[in-house]
Amino acid sequence: MSKKRNRLEVIRDILQVINSRNGRIKPTHILYKSNLSYQMSELIKKRFIIEHKTKEGKTYSVTEKGINYLNKYSLIADFTESFGLN
């Protein structure tokens, strides 16, 4: 049985999925790639991602704030892992 992801891990997963697709991804691909329920409004409100409306539908891109979150999350994860706290 896999461990349930906490809120910070869910945010990280969404941002990583968007970022891995050259910064633009459709909502359904976010769901599929990150195994998440579709709850993007918080990340938009906190300015971690930007929603783009096109003729084909919506896409999302990661902001600089979102990239900073990913970098700092990685530092914290590395720190806790180095002490066996993960």
Protein backbone atom coordinates (compact mmCIF):
# COMPACT_ATOMS: atom_id res chain seq x y z
CA MET A 1 0.00 0.00 0.00
CA SER A 2 1.43 3.38 -0.96
CA LYS A 3 1.68 6.29 1.43
CA LYS A 4 -0.92 9.03 1.02
CA ARG A 5 0.61 12.22 -0.33
CA ASN A 6 0.42 15.33 1.80
CA ARG A 7 -0.68 18.72 0.50
CA LEU A 8 2.89 19.88 -0.24
CA GLU A 9 3.60 16.73 -2.24
CA VAL A 10 0.41 17.19 -4.27
CA ILE A 11 1.42 20.75 -5.15
CA ARG A 12 4.90 19.54 -6.09
CA ASP A 13 3.44 16.80 -8.31
CA ILE A 14 1.18 19.23 -10.19
CA LEU A 15 4.00 21.72 -10.73
CA GLN A 16 6.41 19.00 -11.88
CA VAL A 17 3.92 17.63 -14.38
CA ILE A 18 3.26 21.08 -15.85
CA ASN A 19 6.95 21.94 -15.93
CA SER A 20 7.89 18.62 -17.57
CA ARG A 21 5.64 19.42 -20.53
CA ASN A 22 7.63 22.51 -21.54
CA GLY A 23 5.55 24.70 -19.27
CA ARG A 24 2.22 24.16 -21.07
CA ILE A 25 -0.22 21.34 -20.43
CA LYS A 26 -3.95 20.69 -20.70
CA PRO A 27 -5.98 19.97 -17.54
CA THR A 28 -6.74 16.37 -18.52
CA HIS A 29 -3.03 15.66 -18.96
CA ILE A 30 -2.38 16.99 -15.46
CA LEU A 31 -4.91 14.54 -14.09
CA TYR A 32 -3.53 11.65 -16.07
CA LYS A 33 0.17 12.30 -15.47
CA SER A 34 0.05 13.21 -11.78
CA ASN A 35 -2.82 10.99 -10.61
CA LEU A 36 -4.57 13.97 -9.03
CA SER A 37 -8.06 15.26 -8.73
CA TYR A 38 -8.64 18.41 -10.72
CA GLN A 39 -8.11 21.18 -8.12
CA MET A 40 -6.13 23.89 -9.86
CA SER A 41 -7.82 27.03 -8.52
CA GLU A 42 -5.64 27.22 -5.40
CA LEU A 43 -2.44 27.11 -7.45
CA ILE A 44 -3.78 29.81 -9.76
CA LYS A 45 -4.85 31.96 -6.82
CA LYS A 46 -1.44 31.58 -5.17
CA ARG A 47 0.20 32.38 -8.54
CA PHE A 48 2.12 29.11 -8.83
CA ILE A 49 0.60 28.52 -12.26
CA ILE A 50 -1.09 30.56 -14.98
CA GLU A 51 -4.10 29.44 -16.98
CA HIS A 52 -4.04 30.17 -20.71
CA LYS A 53 -7.21 30.02 -22.78
CA THR A 54 -6.78 29.02 -26.41
CA LYS A 55 -9.06 27.96 -29.24
CA GLU A 56 -8.38 24.34 -28.33
CA GLY A 57 -9.14 24.84 -24.60
CA LYS A 58 -7.13 25.60 -21.49
CA THR A 59 -3.46 25.03 -20.80
CA TYR A 60 -1.37 25.81 -17.74
CA SER A 61 2.18 27.01 -17.26
CA VAL A 62 4.35 27.23 -14.15
CA THR A 63 5.30 30.70 -12.93
CA GLU A 64 8.62 31.68 -11.45
CA LYS A 65 7.00 31.36 -8.02
CA GLY A 66 6.06 27.77 -8.92
CA ILE A 67 9.63 27.01 -10.02
CA ASN A 68 10.91 28.47 -6.74
CA TYR A 69 8.51 26.19 -4.85
CA LEU A 70 9.86 23.14 -6.69
CA ASN A 71 13.46 24.13 -5.95
CA LYS A 72 12.83 24.74 -2.25
CA TYR A 73 10.73 21.59 -1.91
CA SER A 74 13.63 19.62 -3.37
CA LEU A 75 16.01 21.12 -0.78
CA ILE A 76 13.66 20.18 2.07
CA ALA A 77 13.14 16.66 0.70
CA ASP A 78 16.92 16.15 0.35
CA PHE A 79 17.46 17.44 3.90
CA THR A 80 14.86 15.17 5.51
CA GLU A 81 16.06 12.19 3.49
CA SER A 82 19.68 12.75 4.53
CA PHE A 83 18.62 12.34 8.17
CA GLY A 84 16.33 9.39 7.50
CA LEU A 85 13.21 11.44 8.29
CA ASN A 86 11.27 10.73 5.11
